[in-house]
Amino acid sequence: EDLDTIDRMLDEAESRFNWWRHPDPYI
């Protein structure tokens, strides 16, 4: 049970998901 690793993976996945949903190429 590495909850720290799972949390890290979830945080990274969420940040990537948000980046793909809200890209800011013009800023």
C-alpha atoms as a PDB file:
ATOM      1  CA  GLU A   1       0.000   0.000   0.000  1.00  0.00           C
ATOM      2  CA  ASP A   2       1.978   2.978  -1.140  1.00  0.00           C
ATOM      3  CA  LEU A   3      -0.620   5.697  -0.790  1.00  0.00           C
ATOM      4  CA  ASP A   4       2.052   8.334  -1.384  1.00  0.00           C
ATOM      5  CA  THR A   5       2.866   6.850  -4.779  1.00  0.00           C
ATOM      6  CA  ILE A   6      -0.808   6.574  -5.686  1.00  0.00           C
ATOM      7  CA  ASP A   7      -1.423  10.176  -4.641  1.00  0.00           C
ATOM      8  CA  ARG A   8       1.531  11.304  -6.754  1.00  0.00           C
ATOM      9  CA  MET A   9       0.224   9.386  -9.763  1.00  0.00           C
ATOM     10  CA  LEU A  10      -3.258  10.837  -9.308  1.00  0.00           C
ATOM     11  CA  ASP A  11      -1.901  14.373  -8.984  1.00  0.00           C
ATOM     12  CA  GLU A  12       0.175  13.992 -12.143  1.00  0.00           C
ATOM     13  CA  ALA A  13      -2.719  12.455 -14.072  1.00  0.00           C
ATOM     14  CA  GLU A  14      -5.066  15.214 -12.923  1.00  0.00           C
ATOM     15  CA  SER A  15      -2.628  17.964 -13.906  1.00  0.00           C
ATOM     16  CA  ARG A  16      -2.133  16.398 -17.351  1.00  0.00           C
ATOM     17  CA  PHE A  17      -5.894  15.993 -17.778  1.00  0.00           C
ATOM     18  CA  ASN A  18      -6.473  19.626 -16.841  1.00  0.00           C
ATOM     19  CA  TRP A  19      -3.706  20.713 -19.224  1.00  0.00           C
ATOM     20  CA  TRP A  20      -5.327  18.845 -22.113  1.00  0.00           C
ATOM     21  CA  ARG A  21      -8.740  20.251 -21.229  1.00  0.00           C
ATOM     22  CA  HIS A  22      -7.462  23.800 -20.754  1.00  0.00           C
ATOM     23  CA  PRO A  23      -4.398  24.386 -22.913  1.00  0.00           C
ATOM     24  CA  ASP A  24      -3.115  27.970 -23.014  1.00  0.00           C
ATOM     25  CA  PRO A  25      -0.989  28.129 -26.167  1.00  0.00           C
ATOM     26  CA  TYR A  26      -1.637  31.841 -26.708  1.00  0.00           C
ATOM     27  CA  ILE A  27      -0.567  33.095 -23.289  1.00  0.00           C
END
